[in-house]
PDB file of N, CA and C in Angstrom:
ATOM      1  N   MET A   1      74.977 129.543 127.415  1.00  0.00           N
ATOM      2  CA  MET A   1      76.376 129.193 127.599  1.00  0.00           C
ATOM      3  C   MET A   1      76.483 128.504 128.969  1.00  0.00           C
ATOM      4  N   SER A   2      77.222 127.441 129.021  1.00  0.00           N
ATOM      5  CA  SER A   2      77.339 126.682 130.264  1.00  0.00           C
ATOM      6  C   SER A   2      78.306 127.372 131.239  1.00  0.00           C
ATOM      7  N   GLN A   3      78.175 127.036 132.509  1.00  0.00           N
ATOM      8  CA  GLN A   3      79.042 127.615 133.538  1.00  0.00           C
ATOM      9  C   GLN A   3      80.507 127.252 133.298  1.00  0.00           C
ATOM     10  N   PRO A   4      80.834 126.002 132.940  1.00  0.00           N
ATOM     11  CA  PRO A   4      82.239 125.688 132.653  1.00  0.00           C
ATOM     12  C   PRO A   4      82.794 126.491 131.475  1.00  0.00           C
ATOM     13  N   ALA A   5      81.961 126.732 130.465  1.00  0.00           N
ATOM     14  CA  ALA A   5      82.420 127.521 129.313  1.00  0.00           C
ATOM     15  C   ALA A   5      82.692 128.967 129.736  1.00  0.00           C
ATOM     16  N   ILE A   6      81.836 129.513 130.573  1.00  0.00           N
ATOM     17  CA  ILE A   6      82.033 130.878 131.074  1.00  0.00           C
ATOM     18  C   ILE A   6      83.331 130.950 131.874  1.00  0.00           C
ATOM     19  N   SER A   7      83.541 129.976 132.752  1.00  0.00           N
ATOM     20  CA  SER A   7      84.765 129.951 133.556  1.00  0.00           C
ATOM     21  C   SER A   7      86.010 129.884 132.672  1.00  0.00           C
ATOM     22  N   LYS A   8      85.944 129.075 131.633  1.00  0.00           N
ATOM     23  CA  LYS A   8      87.078 128.942 130.716  1.00  0.00           C
ATOM     24  C   LYS A   8      87.369 130.276 130.026  1.00  0.00           C
ATOM     25  N   HIS A   9      86.327 130.951 129.566  1.00  0.00           N
ATOM     26  CA  HIS A   9      86.508 132.254 128.912  1.00  0.00           C
ATOM     27  C   HIS A   9      87.085 133.278 129.882  1.00  0.00           C
ATOM     28  N   LEU A  10      86.599 133.277 131.101  1.00  0.00           N
ATOM     29  CA  LEU A  10      87.110 134.223 132.095  1.00  0.00           C
ATOM     30  C   LEU A  10      88.589 133.976 132.385  1.00  0.00           C
ATOM     31  N   LYS A  11      88.996 132.710 132.431  1.00  0.00           N
ATOM     32  CA  LYS A  11      90.413 132.400 132.663  1.00  0.00           C
ATOM     33  C   LYS A  11      91.282 132.920 131.521  1.00  0.00           C
ATOM     34  N   VAL A  12      90.804 132.771 130.297  1.00  0.00           N
ATOM     35  CA  VAL A  12      91.548 133.277 129.141  1.00  0.00           C
ATOM     36  C   VAL A  12      91.687 134.789 129.232  1.00  0.00           C
ATOM     37  N   LEU A  13      90.588 135.477 129.563  1.00  0.00           N
ATOM     38  CA  LEU A  13      90.628 136.933 129.692  1.00  0.00           C
ATOM     39  C   LEU A  13      91.554 137.369 130.830  1.00  0.00           C
ATOM     40  N   GLU A  14      91.564 136.605 131.926  1.00  0.00           N
ATOM     41  CA  GLU A  14      92.465 136.923 133.048  1.00  0.00           C
ATOM     42  C   GLU A  14      93.923 136.757 132.634  1.00  0.00           C
ATOM     43  N   ARG A  15      94.237 135.657 131.929  1.00  0.00           N
ATOM     44  CA  ARG A  15      95.615 135.435 131.486  1.00  0.00           C
ATOM     45  C   ARG A  15      96.072 136.530 130.525  1.00  0.00           C
ATOM     46  N   ALA A  16      95.132 137.062 129.760  1.00  0.00           N
ATOM     47  CA  ALA A  16      95.457 138.139 128.819  1.00  0.00           C
ATOM     48  C   ALA A  16      95.549 139.492 129.522  1.00  0.00           C
ATOM     49  N   GLY A  17      95.152 139.545 130.790  1.00  0.00           N
ATOM     50  CA  GLY A  17      95.217 140.787 131.545  1.00  0.00           C
ATOM     51  C   GLY A  17      94.068 141.739 131.280  1.00  0.00           C
ATOM     52  N   LEU A  18      93.009 141.247 130.634  1.00  0.00           N
ATOM     53  CA  LEU A  18      91.874 142.097 130.304  1.00  0.00           C
ATOM     54  C   LEU A  18      90.844 142.182 131.421  1.00  0.00           C
ATOM     55  N   VAL A  19      90.823 141.185 132.289  1.00  0.00           N
ATOM     56  CA  VAL A  19      89.970 141.219 133.480  1.00  0.00           C
ATOM     57  C   VAL A  19      90.786 140.741 134.672  1.00  0.00           C
ATOM     58  N   SER A  20      90.375 141.172 135.844  1.00  0.00           N
ATOM     59  CA  SER A  20      91.023 140.685 137.068  1.00  0.00           C
ATOM     60  C   SER A  20      89.937 140.112 137.967  1.00  0.00           C
ATOM     61  N   GLY A  21      90.340 139.146 138.762  1.00  0.00           N
ATOM     62  CA  GLY A  21      89.378 138.475 139.623  1.00  0.00           C
ATOM     63  C   GLY A  21      89.749 138.595 141.079  1.00  0.00           C
ATOM     64  N   GLY A  22      88.781 138.387 141.902  1.00  0.00           N
ATOM     65  CA  GLY A  22      88.997 138.407 143.341  1.00  0.00           C
ATOM     66  C   GLY A  22      88.105 137.381 144.007  1.00  0.00           C
ATOM     67  N   ARG A  23      88.108 137.409 145.328  1.00  0.00           N
ATOM     68  CA  ARG A  23      87.250 136.503 146.085  1.00  0.00           C
ATOM     69  C   ARG A  23      86.537 137.289 147.160  1.00  0.00           C
ATOM     70  N   ASP A  24      85.282 137.009 147.317  1.00  0.00           N
ATOM     71  CA  ASP A  24      84.466 137.611 148.366  1.00  0.00           C
ATOM     72  C   ASP A  24      83.563 136.499 148.881  1.00  0.00           C
ATOM     73  N   ALA A  25      84.052 135.787 149.899  1.00  0.00           N
ATOM     74  CA  ALA A  25      83.362 134.594 150.417  1.00  0.00           C
ATOM     75  C   ALA A  25      83.247 133.588 149.263  1.00  0.00           C
ATOM     76  N   GLN A  26      82.033 133.258 148.872  1.00  0.00           N
ATOM     77  CA  GLN A  26      81.854 132.282 147.793  1.00  0.00           C
ATOM     78  C   GLN A  26      81.757 132.945 146.423  1.00  0.00           C
ATOM     79  N   ARG A  27      81.686 134.244 146.394  1.00  0.00           N
ATOM     80  CA  ARG A  27      81.597 134.974 145.125  1.00  0.00           C
ATOM     81  C   ARG A  27      82.989 135.167 144.522  1.00  0.00           C
ATOM     82  N   ARG A  28      83.038 135.290 143.214  1.00  0.00           N
ATOM     83  CA  ARG A  28      84.286 135.539 142.497  1.00  0.00           C
ATOM     84  C   ARG A  28      84.081 136.740 141.571  1.00  0.00           C
ATOM     85  N   PRO A  29      84.058 137.953 142.115  1.00  0.00           N
ATOM     86  CA  PRO A  29      83.815 139.130 141.266  1.00  0.00           C
ATOM     87  C   PRO A  29      84.957 139.368 140.281  1.00  0.00           C
ATOM     88  N   ARG A  30      84.613 139.906 139.126  1.00  0.00           N
ATOM     89  CA  ARG A  30      85.596 140.219 138.090  1.00  0.00           C
ATOM     90  C   ARG A  30      85.514 141.705 137.770  1.00  0.00           C
ATOM     91  N   ARG A  31      86.650 142.268 137.385  1.00  0.00           N
ATOM     92  CA  ARG A  31      86.721 143.673 136.983  1.00  0.00           C
ATOM     93  C   ARG A  31      87.411 143.775 135.632  1.00  0.00           C
ATOM     94  N   LEU A  32      86.856 144.647 134.781  1.00  0.00           N
ATOM     95  CA  LEU A  32      87.521 144.930 133.505  1.00  0.00           C
ATOM     96  C   LEU A  32      88.726 145.806 133.780  1.00  0.00           C
ATOM     97  N   GLU A  33      89.819 145.534 133.102  1.00  0.00           N
ATOM     98  CA  GLU A  33      91.035 146.331 133.234  1.00  0.00           C
ATOM     99  C   GLU A  33      91.094 147.310 132.070  1.00  0.00           C
ATOM    100  N   ALA A  34      90.915 148.593 132.370  1.00  0.00           N
ATOM    101  CA  ALA A  34      90.760 149.610 131.331  1.00  0.00           C
ATOM    102  C   ALA A  34      92.009 149.786 130.462  1.00  0.00           C
ATOM    103  N   THR A  35      93.184 149.815 131.058  1.00  0.00           N
ATOM    104  CA  THR A  35      94.398 150.097 130.287  1.00  0.00           C
ATOM    105  C   THR A  35      94.658 149.029 129.215  1.00  0.00           C
ATOM    106  N   PRO A  36      94.675 147.741 129.556  1.00  0.00           N
ATOM    107  CA  PRO A  36      94.902 146.735 128.501  1.00  0.00           C
ATOM    108  C   PRO A  36      93.791 146.733 127.448  1.00  0.00           C
ATOM    109  N   LEU A  37      92.547 147.007 127.872  1.00  0.00           N
ATOM    110  CA  LEU A  37      91.461 147.057 126.895  1.00  0.00           C
ATOM    111  C   LEU A  37      91.647 148.230 125.935  1.00  0.00           C
ATOM    112  N   ALA A  38      92.097 149.372 126.450  1.00  0.00           N
ATOM    113  CA  ALA A  38      92.348 150.538 125.598  1.00  0.00           C
ATOM    114  C   ALA A  38      93.484 150.238 124.623  1.00  0.00           C
ATOM    115  N   GLU A  39      94.525 149.560 125.081  1.00  0.00           N
ATOM    116  CA  GLU A  39      95.649 149.201 124.207  1.00  0.00           C
ATOM    117  C   GLU A  39      95.188 148.238 123.112  1.00  0.00           C
ATOM    118  N   ALA A  40      94.360 147.277 123.483  1.00  0.00           N
ATOM    119  CA  ALA A  40      93.847 146.322 122.493  1.00  0.00           C
ATOM    120  C   ALA A  40      92.967 147.041 121.474  1.00  0.00           C
ATOM    121  N   THR A  41      92.146 147.964 121.935  1.00  0.00           N
ATOM    122  CA  THR A  41      91.282 148.728 121.039  1.00  0.00           C
ATOM    123  C   THR A  41      92.105 149.547 120.062  1.00  0.00           C
ATOM    124  N   GLU A  42      93.155 150.185 120.552  1.00  0.00           N
ATOM    125  CA  GLU A  42      94.027 150.986 119.695  1.00  0.00           C
ATOM    126  C   GLU A  42      94.700 150.113 118.639  1.00  0.00           C
ATOM    127  N   TRP A  43      95.174 148.955 119.031  1.00  0.00           N
ATOM    128  CA  TRP A  43      95.825 148.024 118.111  1.00  0.00           C
ATOM    129  C   TRP A  43      94.832 147.559 117.043  1.00  0.00           C
ATOM    130  N   LEU A  44      93.613 147.210 117.478  1.00  0.00           N
ATOM    131  CA  LEU A  44      92.594 146.752 116.536  1.00  0.00           C
ATOM    132  C   LEU A  44      92.165 147.857 115.582  1.00  0.00           C
ATOM    133  N   GLU A  45      92.139 149.093 116.054  1.00  0.00           N
ATOM    134  CA  GLU A  45      91.718 150.220 115.220  1.00  0.00           C
ATOM    135  C   GLU A  45      92.624 150.368 114.001  1.00  0.00           C
ATOM    136  N   GLY A  46      93.910 150.163 114.167  1.00  0.00           N
ATOM    137  CA  GLY A  46      94.823 150.228 113.032  1.00  0.00           C
ATOM    138  C   GLY A  46      94.473 149.199 111.966  1.00  0.00           C
ATOM    139  N   TYR A  47      94.159 147.988 112.388  1.00  0.00           N
ATOM    140  CA  TYR A  47      93.771 146.957 111.438  1.00  0.00           C
ATOM    141  C   TYR A  47      92.411 147.259 110.821  1.00  0.00           C
ATOM    142  N   ARG A  48      91.491 147.801 111.599  1.00  0.00           N
ATOM    143  CA  ARG A  48      90.168 148.149 111.069  1.00  0.00           C
ATOM    144  C   ARG A  48      90.320 149.178 109.951  1.00  0.00           C
ATOM    145  N   GLN A  49      91.140 150.191 110.169  1.00  0.00           N
ATOM    146  CA  GLN A  49      91.356 151.218 109.145  1.00  0.00           C
ATOM    147  C   GLN A  49      92.002 150.629 107.901  1.00  0.00           C
ATOM    148  N   PHE A  50      92.978 149.742 108.096  1.00  0.00           N
ATOM    149  CA  PHE A  50      93.634 149.097 106.962  1.00  0.00           C
ATOM    150  C   PHE A  50      92.622 148.326 106.116  1.00  0.00           C
ATOM    151  N   TRP A  51      91.816 147.470 106.773  1.00  0.00           N
ATOM    152  CA  TRP A  51      90.868 146.643 106.028  1.00  0.00           C
ATOM    153  C   TRP A  51      89.745 147.473 105.423  1.00  0.00           C
ATOM    154  N   GLU A  52      89.313 148.509 106.110  1.00  0.00           N
ATOM    155  CA  GLU A  52      88.273 149.371 105.564  1.00  0.00           C
ATOM    156  C   GLU A  52      88.766 150.026 104.269  1.00  0.00           C
ATOM    157  N   GLY A  53      89.998 150.541 104.276  1.00  0.00           N
ATOM    158  CA  GLY A  53      90.575 151.123 103.061  1.00  0.00           C
ATOM    159  C   GLY A  53      90.712 150.102 101.948  1.00  0.00           C
ATOM    160  N   SER A  54      91.141 148.895 102.303  1.00  0.00           N
ATOM    161  CA  SER A  54      91.296 147.836 101.302  1.00  0.00           C
ATOM    162  C   SER A  54      89.956 147.475 100.667  1.00  0.00           C
ATOM    163  N   PHE A  55      88.914 147.366 101.476  1.00  0.00           N
ATOM    164  CA  PHE A  55      87.598 147.022 100.947  1.00  0.00           C
ATOM    165  C   PHE A  55      87.025 148.161 100.104  1.00  0.00           C
ATOM    166  N   GLN A  56      87.297 149.402 100.462  1.00  0.00           N
ATOM    167  CA  GLN A  56      86.832 150.531  99.648  1.00  0.00           C
ATOM    168  C   GLN A  56      87.512 150.510  98.279  1.00  0.00           C
ATOM    169  N   ARG A  57      88.815 150.235  98.260  1.00  0.00           N
ATOM    170  CA  ARG A  57      89.515 150.142  96.972  1.00  0.00           C
ATOM    171  C   ARG A  57      88.979 148.976  96.142  1.00  0.00           C
ATOM    172  N   LEU A  58      88.689 147.861  96.786  1.00  0.00           N
ATOM    173  CA  LEU A  58      88.124 146.708  96.079  1.00  0.00           C
ATOM    174  C   LEU A  58      86.748 147.052  95.518  1.00  0.00           C
ATOM    175  N   ASP A  59      85.924 147.736  96.291  1.00  0.00           N
ATOM    176  CA  ASP A  59      84.608 148.166  95.796  1.00  0.00           C
ATOM    177  C   ASP A  59      84.754 149.042  94.553  1.00  0.00           C
ATOM    178  N   GLY A  60      85.713 149.965  94.581  1.00  0.00           N
ATOM    179  CA  GLY A  60      85.949 150.833  93.429  1.00  0.00           C
ATOM    180  C   GLY A  60      86.356 150.045  92.204  1.00  0.00           C
ATOM    181  N   LEU A  61      87.253 149.088  92.396  1.00  0.00           N
ATOM    182  CA  LEU A  61      87.701 148.246  91.282  1.00  0.00           C
ATOM    183  C   LEU A  61      86.543 147.417  90.726  1.00  0.00           C
ATOM    184  N   LEU A  62      85.741 146.832  91.587  1.00  0.00           N
ATOM    185  CA  LEU A  62      84.605 146.024  91.130  1.00  0.00           C
ATOM    186  C   LEU A  62      83.595 146.870  90.367  1.00  0.00           C
ATOM    187  N   ASP A  63      83.352 148.094  90.842  1.00  0.00           N
ATOM    188  CA  ASP A  63      82.453 149.002  90.123  1.00  0.00           C
ATOM    189  C   ASP A  63      83.000 149.326  88.734  1.00  0.00           C
ATOM    190  N   GLU A  64      84.301 149.566  88.660  1.00  0.00           N
ATOM    191  CA  GLU A  64      84.947 149.867  87.378  1.00  0.00           C
ATOM    192  C   GLU A  64      84.837 148.685  86.429  1.00  0.00           C
ATOM    193  N   LEU A  65      85.090 147.471  86.929  1.00  0.00           N
ATOM    194  CA  LEU A  65      84.994 146.273  86.088  1.00  0.00           C
ATOM    195  C   LEU A  65      83.558 146.044  85.625  1.00  0.00           C
ATOM    196  N   LYS A  66      82.592 146.296  86.494  1.00  0.00           N
ATOM    197  CA  LYS A  66      81.184 146.129  86.142  1.00  0.00           C
ATOM    198  C   LYS A  66      80.801 147.116  85.040  1.00  0.00           C
ATOM    199  N   THR A  67      81.271 148.349  85.145  1.00  0.00           N
ATOM    200  CA  THR A  67      80.993 149.357  84.123  1.00  0.00           C
ATOM    201  C   THR A  67      81.583 148.945  82.787  1.00  0.00           C
ATOM    202  N   GLN A  68      82.818 148.466  82.786  1.00  0.00           N
ATOM    203  CA  GLN A  68      83.469 148.013  81.558  1.00  0.00           C
ATOM    204  C   GLN A  68      82.715 146.842  80.929  1.00  0.00           C
ATOM    205  N   GLU A  69      82.266 145.914  81.754  1.00  0.00           N
ATOM    206  CA  GLU A  69      81.537 144.748  81.259  1.00  0.00           C
ATOM    207  C   GLU A  69      80.205 145.177  80.647  1.00  0.00           C
ATOM    208  N   ASN A  70      79.518 146.107  81.290  1.00  0.00           N
ATOM    209  CA  ASN A  70      78.240 146.593  80.745  1.00  0.00           C
ATOM    210  C   ASN A  70      78.454 147.277  79.396  1.00  0.00           C
ATOM    211  N   LYS A  71      79.536 148.034  79.240  1.00  0.00           N
ATOM    212  CA  LYS A  71      79.841 148.691  77.962  1.00  0.00           C
ATOM    213  C   LYS A  71      80.107 147.653  76.882  1.00  0.00           C
ATOM    214  N   ARG A  72      80.840 146.604  77.228  1.00  0.00           N
ATOM    215  CA  ARG A  72      81.122 145.533  76.247  1.00  0.00           C
ATOM    216  C   ARG A  72      79.843 144.838  75.808  1.00  0.00           C
ATOM    217  N   ARG A  73      78.961 144.573  76.744  1.00  0.00           N
ATOM    218  CA  ARG A  73      77.701 143.880  76.416  1.00  0.00           C
ATOM    219  C   ARG A  73      76.835 144.737  75.497  1.00  0.00           C
ATOM    220  N   ARG A  74      76.777 146.041  75.774  1.00  0.00           N
ATOM    221  CA  ARG A  74      75.981 146.937  74.935  1.00  0.00           C
ATOM    222  C   ARG A  74      76.560 146.999  73.526  1.00  0.00           C
ATOM    223  N   ALA A  75      77.882 146.968  73.411  1.00  0.00           N
ATOM    224  CA  ALA A  75      78.535 147.032  72.106  1.00  0.00           C
ATOM    225  C   ALA A  75      78.301 145.769  71.289  1.00  0.00           C
ATOM    226  N   LYS A  76      78.070 144.642  71.936  1.00  0.00           N
ATOM    227  CA  LYS A  76      77.888 143.361  71.223  1.00  0.00           C
ATOM    228  C   LYS A  76      76.437 143.105  70.847  1.00  0.00           C
ATOM    229  N   ARG A  77      75.496 143.938  71.295  1.00  0.00           N
ATOM    230  CA  ARG A  77      74.083 143.711  70.982  1.00  0.00           C
ATOM    231  C   ARG A  77      73.835 143.797  69.481  1.00  0.00           C
ATOM    232  N   PRO A  78      72.906 142.967  68.983  1.00  0.00           N
ATOM    233  CA  PRO A  78      72.555 143.056  67.563  1.00  0.00           C
ATOM    234  C   PRO A  78      71.996 144.434  67.244  1.00  0.00           C
ATOM    235  N   GLY A  79      72.358 144.964  66.083  1.00  0.00           N
ATOM    236  CA  GLY A  79      71.871 146.270  65.684  1.00  0.00           C
ATOM    237  C   GLY A  79      72.752 147.405  66.129  1.00  0.00           C
ATOM    238  N   GLY A  80      73.882 147.111  66.713  1.00  0.00           N
ATOM    239  CA  GLY A  80      74.821 148.159  67.119  1.00  0.00           C
ATOM    240  C   GLY A  80      74.516 148.716  68.497  1.00  0.00           C
ATOM    241  N   ARG A  81      75.113 149.863  68.732  1.00  0.00           N
ATOM    242  CA  ARG A  81      74.977 150.514  70.047  1.00  0.00           C
ATOM    243  C   ARG A  81      73.675 151.250  70.153  1.00  0.00           C
ATOM    244  N   LYS A  82      73.261 151.427  71.412  1.00  0.00           N
ATOM    245  CA  LYS A  82      72.079 152.234  71.690  1.00  0.00           C
ATOM    246  C   LYS A  82      72.488 153.533  72.265  1.00  0.00           C
TER     247      LYS A  82
END
C-alpha cells in the first residue's frame, strides 16, 4: 500500500472519530479511540446476528427443497420406487 493511500485512509478514520492523531516533531502518531470503536462494533453485531439468522433460514429452506427434489427424482425412475 502506498504512503498516500495510507494517509488517505487515516484521514477517513480520523474524520469518523475512530483514530486520533498528534504531532511529535516529524512523527505523526495515531491512537485508536476505544469508545467509537466499541459503538461501531455493537452496531455491526446487530447486523451480523440478523444476517446470520437469515442465512441459517435460507440453508434450511435449500435443504428442504433439495430433499423434495431428490424424492421426486426417485419417484420418476423407471421401475418405480426403491
